[in-house]
C-alpha atoms as a PDB file:
ATOM      1  CA  ARG A   1       1.241 -29.739 -15.953  1.00  0.00           C
ATOM      2  CA  ILE A   2       3.890 -30.322 -13.326  1.00  0.00           C
ATOM      3  CA  ASP A   3       6.259 -27.397 -12.940  1.00  0.00           C
ATOM      4  CA  ASP A   4       9.925 -28.387 -12.805  1.00  0.00           C
ATOM      5  CA  ASP A   5      11.069 -24.886 -11.824  1.00  0.00           C
ATOM      6  CA  ALA A   6      12.323 -24.217  -8.337  1.00  0.00           C
ATOM      7  CA  PHE A   7      10.258 -21.972  -6.117  1.00  0.00           C
ATOM      8  CA  PRO A   8      10.316 -18.945  -6.212  1.00  0.00           C
ATOM      9  CA  SER A   9      12.728 -18.893  -9.178  1.00  0.00           C
ATOM     10  CA  ASN A  10      15.492 -20.942 -10.731  1.00  0.00           C
ATOM     11  CA  LYS A  11      18.251 -18.643  -9.454  1.00  0.00           C
ATOM     12  CA  TYR A  12      18.945 -20.940  -6.481  1.00  0.00           C
ATOM     13  CA  LYS A  13      17.626 -24.157  -8.047  1.00  0.00           C
ATOM     14  CA  ASP A  14      20.782 -26.191  -7.396  1.00  0.00           C
ATOM     15  CA  LEU A  15      20.943 -25.211  -3.728  1.00  0.00           C
ATOM     16  CA  ILE A  16      17.231 -25.816  -3.235  1.00  0.00           C
ATOM     17  CA  LEU A  17      17.296 -29.252  -4.873  1.00  0.00           C
ATOM     18  CA  ASP A  18      20.387 -30.193  -2.840  1.00  0.00           C
ATOM     19  CA  ARG A  19      18.449 -29.158   0.288  1.00  0.00           C
ATOM     20  CA  LYS A  20      20.957 -26.424   1.133  1.00  0.00           C
ATOM     21  CA  VAL A  21      18.411 -23.673   1.537  1.00  0.00           C
ATOM     22  CA  HIS A  22      20.146 -22.549   4.733  1.00  0.00           C
ATOM     23  CA  GLU A  23      23.085 -21.347   2.577  1.00  0.00           C
ATOM     24  CA  ILE A  24      20.837 -18.854   0.759  1.00  0.00           C
ATOM     25  CA  HIS A  25      20.412 -15.455   2.375  1.00  0.00           C
ATOM     26  CA  PRO A  26      16.736 -15.039   3.380  1.00  0.00           C
ATOM     27  CA  LEU A  27      16.514 -11.557   1.854  1.00  0.00           C
ATOM     28  CA  SER A  28      17.662 -12.966  -1.493  1.00  0.00           C
ATOM     29  CA  LEU A  29      14.869 -15.527  -1.400  1.00  0.00           C
ATOM     30  CA  MET A  30      12.398 -12.824  -0.401  1.00  0.00           C
ATOM     31  CA  TRP A  31      13.574 -10.655  -3.301  1.00  0.00           C
ATOM     32  CA  GLU A  32      13.015 -13.535  -5.732  1.00  0.00           C
ATOM     33  CA  TYR A  33       9.533 -14.049  -4.298  1.00  0.00           C
ATOM     34  CA  CYS A  34       8.776 -10.322  -4.698  1.00  0.00           C
ATOM     35  CA  LYS A  35       9.886 -10.488  -8.334  1.00  0.00           C
ATOM     36  CA  LEU A  36       7.635 -13.520  -8.851  1.00  0.00           C
ATOM     37  CA  ILE A  37       4.651 -11.737  -7.321  1.00  0.00           C
ATOM     38  CA  ALA A  38       5.364  -8.499  -9.218  1.00  0.00           C
ATOM     39  CA  SER A  39       5.226 -10.377 -12.508  1.00  0.00           C
ATOM     40  CA  ASP A  40       1.440 -10.614 -12.071  1.00  0.00           C
ATOM     41  CA  PRO A  41      -0.191  -7.486 -13.574  1.00  0.00           C
ATOM     42  CA  VAL A  42      -3.084  -7.435 -11.068  1.00  0.00           C
ATOM     43  CA  ILE A  43      -0.730  -7.521  -8.080  1.00  0.00           C
ATOM     44  CA  ARG A  44       1.684  -5.018  -9.624  1.00  0.00           C
ATOM     45  CA  SER A  45      -1.020  -2.438 -10.418  1.00  0.00           C
ATOM     46  CA  GLY A  46      -2.728  -2.964  -7.048  1.00  0.00           C
ATOM     47  CA  SER A  47       0.577  -2.557  -5.215  1.00  0.00           C
ATOM     48  CA  ILE A  48       1.311   0.679  -7.058  1.00  0.00           C
ATOM     49  CA  LYS A  49      -2.166   1.980  -6.213  1.00  0.00           C
ATOM     50  CA  THR A  50      -1.680   1.005  -2.573  1.00  0.00           C
ATOM     51  CA  CYS A  51       1.662   2.847  -2.386  1.00  0.00           C
ATOM     52  CA  LEU A  52       0.178   5.944  -4.017  1.00  0.00           C
ATOM     53  CA  PHE A  53      -2.760   5.820  -1.612  1.00  0.00           C
ATOM     54  CA  GLY A  54      -0.357   5.667   1.326  1.00  0.00           C
ATOM     55  CA  GLN A  55       1.431   8.740   0.020  1.00  0.00           C
ATOM     56  CA  LEU A  56      -1.902  10.504  -0.420  1.00  0.00           C
ATOM     57  CA  LYS A  57      -2.625   9.876   3.272  1.00  0.00           C
ATOM     58  CA  ASN A  58       0.764  11.435   4.093  1.00  0.00           C
ATOM     59  CA  VAL A  59      -0.096  14.504   2.003  1.00  0.00           C
ATOM     60  CA  PHE A  60      -3.437  14.818   3.793  1.00  0.00           C
ATOM     61  CA  PHE A  61      -1.632  14.615   7.140  1.00  0.00           C
ATOM     62  CA  VAL A  62       0.785  17.412   6.211  1.00  0.00           C
ATOM     63  CA  LEU A  63      -2.107  19.539   4.932  1.00  0.00           C
ATOM     64  CA  SER A  64      -3.988  18.962   8.190  1.00  0.00           C
ATOM     65  CA  LEU A  65      -0.940  20.171  10.133  1.00  0.00           C
ATOM     66  CA  ILE A  66      -0.820  23.300   7.981  1.00  0.00           C
ATOM     67  CA  GLY A  67      -4.562  23.755   8.500  1.00  0.00           C
ATOM     68  CA  ASN A  68      -4.159  23.452  12.271  1.00  0.00           C
ATOM     69  CA  VAL A  69      -1.420  26.090  12.282  1.00  0.00           C
ATOM     70  CA  TYR A  70      -3.657  28.384  10.221  1.00  0.00           C
ATOM     71  CA  LEU A  71      -6.559  27.686  12.580  1.00  0.00           C
ATOM     72  CA  VAL A  72      -4.557  28.706  15.631  1.00  0.00           C
ATOM     73  CA  ASP A  73      -2.794  31.691  14.052  1.00  0.00           C
ATOM     74  CA  HIS A  74      -5.615  33.240  12.031  1.00  0.00           C
ATOM     75  CA  VAL A  75      -8.965  31.957  13.308  1.00  0.00           C
ATOM     76  CA  LEU A  76      -8.606  31.400  17.033  1.00  0.00           C
ATOM     77  CA  LEU A  77      -6.183  34.322  17.522  1.00  0.00           C
ATOM     78  CA  PRO A  78      -7.382  36.854  14.965  1.00  0.00           C
ATOM     79  CA  SER A  79      -6.088  40.370  14.557  1.00  0.00           C
ATOM     80  CA  LYS A  80      -7.933  43.075  16.480  1.00  0.00           C
ATOM     81  CA  ASP A  81      -9.391  44.756  13.394  1.00  0.00           C
ATOM     82  CA  GLU A  82     -10.832  41.542  11.893  1.00  0.00           C
ATOM     83  CA  ASP A  83     -14.578  41.015  11.663  1.00  0.00           C
ATOM     84  CA  PRO A  84     -15.969  38.061  13.745  1.00  0.00           C
ATOM     85  CA  THR A  85     -18.042  36.861  10.774  1.00  0.00           C
ATOM     86  CA  ASP A  86     -14.807  36.459   8.802  1.00  0.00           C
ATOM     87  CA  GLN A  87     -13.575  34.191  11.568  1.00  0.00           C
ATOM     88  CA  GLU A  88     -16.721  32.079  11.318  1.00  0.00           C
ATOM     89  CA  ILE A  89     -16.370  31.805   7.543  1.00  0.00           C
ATOM     90  CA  LYS A  90     -12.729  30.742   7.900  1.00  0.00           C
ATOM     91  CA  LEU A  91     -13.727  28.194  10.522  1.00  0.00           C
ATOM     92  CA  PHE A  92     -16.453  26.695   8.317  1.00  0.00           C
ATOM     93  CA  VAL A  93     -14.046  26.536   5.366  1.00  0.00           C
ATOM     94  CA  LEU A  94     -11.419  24.783   7.503  1.00  0.00           C
ATOM     95  CA  VAL A  95     -13.991  22.277   8.792  1.00  0.00           C
ATOM     96  CA  GLY A  96     -15.134  21.585   5.242  1.00  0.00           C
ATOM     97  CA  LEU A  97     -11.556  21.142   4.057  1.00  0.00           C
ATOM     98  CA  ALA A  98     -10.886  18.803   6.994  1.00  0.00           C
ATOM     99  CA  CYS A  99     -13.870  16.609   6.090  1.00  0.00           C
ATOM    100  CA  LEU A 100     -12.919  16.235   2.432  1.00  0.00           C
ATOM    101  CA  PRO A 101      -9.732  14.165   2.999  1.00  0.00           C
ATOM    102  CA  ALA A 102     -11.594  11.970   5.470  1.00  0.00           C
ATOM    103  CA  ALA A 103     -14.246  11.213   2.854  1.00  0.00           C
ATOM    104  CA  ILE A 104     -11.625  10.514   0.180  1.00  0.00           C
ATOM    105  CA  THR A 105      -9.583   8.179   2.396  1.00  0.00           C
ATOM    106  CA  HIS A 106     -12.746   6.414   3.564  1.00  0.00           C
ATOM    107  CA  PHE A 107     -13.761   5.789  -0.049  1.00  0.00           C
ATOM    108  CA  LEU A 108     -10.273   4.604  -1.020  1.00  0.00           C
ATOM    109  CA  ASP A 109     -10.037   2.309   2.016  1.00  0.00           C
ATOM    110  CA  TYR A 110     -13.076   0.428   0.728  1.00  0.00           C
ATOM    111  CA  THR A 111     -11.951   0.590  -2.894  1.00  0.00           C
ATOM    112  CA  LYS A 112      -8.576  -0.863  -1.894  1.00  0.00           C
ATOM    113  CA  LEU A 113     -10.286  -4.174  -1.193  1.00  0.00           C
ATOM    114  CA  GLU A 114     -11.226  -4.445  -4.879  1.00  0.00           C
ATOM    115  CA  TRP A 115      -7.581  -4.112  -5.972  1.00  0.00           C
ATOM    116  CA  ARG A 116      -7.161  -7.800  -4.985  1.00  0.00           C
ATOM    117  CA  VAL A 117      -3.493  -7.584  -4.013  1.00  0.00           C
ATOM    118  CA  GLY A 118      -3.616  -9.923  -1.018  1.00  0.00           C
ATOM    119  CA  SER A 119      -5.993 -12.511  -2.433  1.00  0.00           C
ATOM    120  CA  LYS A 120      -4.186 -12.724  -5.759  1.00  0.00           C
ATOM    121  CA  ALA A 121      -0.791 -13.028  -4.016  1.00  0.00           C
ATOM    122  CA  ARG A 122      -2.096 -15.878  -1.835  1.00  0.00           C
ATOM    123  CA  LEU A 123      -3.584 -17.581  -4.895  1.00  0.00           C
ATOM    124  CA  ASN A 124      -0.289 -17.328  -6.781  1.00  0.00           C
ATOM    125  CA  LEU A 125       1.645 -18.639  -3.779  1.00  0.00           C
ATOM    126  CA  ALA A 126      -0.693 -21.603  -3.313  1.00  0.00           C
ATOM    127  CA  SER A 127      -0.625 -22.399  -7.040  1.00  0.00           C
ATOM    128  CA  ALA A 128       3.161 -22.223  -7.194  1.00  0.00           C
ATOM    129  CA  LEU A 129       3.538 -24.481  -4.171  1.00  0.00           C
ATOM    130  CA  MET A 130       1.025 -26.974  -5.539  1.00  0.00           C
ATOM    131  CA  ASN A 131       2.772 -27.063  -8.917  1.00  0.00           C
ATOM    132  CA  ALA A 132       6.172 -27.462  -7.286  1.00  0.00           C
ATOM    133  CA  PHE A 133       5.337 -30.180  -4.757  1.00  0.00           C
ATOM    134  CA  LEU A 134       2.343 -32.127  -6.034  1.00  0.00           C
ATOM    135  CA  TYR A 135       3.517 -35.032  -8.161  1.00  0.00           C
ATOM    136  CA  PHE A 136       1.352 -37.638  -9.862  1.00  0.00           C
ATOM    137  CA  ASP A 137       2.788 -40.880 -11.184  1.00  0.00           C
END
């Protein structure tokens, strides 16, 4: 079926059909495109997962800063009455806690490819453009 809707939405249909696209603010067109893409459930859920994953990386970064401060203050510069084996245990715990976020982010970086945000967005864009501009008589 040939789609008679304007791309990305019918909000600016008259201006687009009159070839006055230059009168439309580019951010408004981008916002309409984002709404079109967000209407797809695969893209919407994948985008939410991607944003949450980015925030998880930020949390890991803040925790690593806190861990580094603890490392300097309590492990590398211990109090005089502290046992050296306690320092070693703290160091091993900090190294283990530092490796855990790396493993989680590594796993999620590969899992992110299965969320299909980019491929589905390109497919929707190509389909919309084909429906809008491919006419058969």
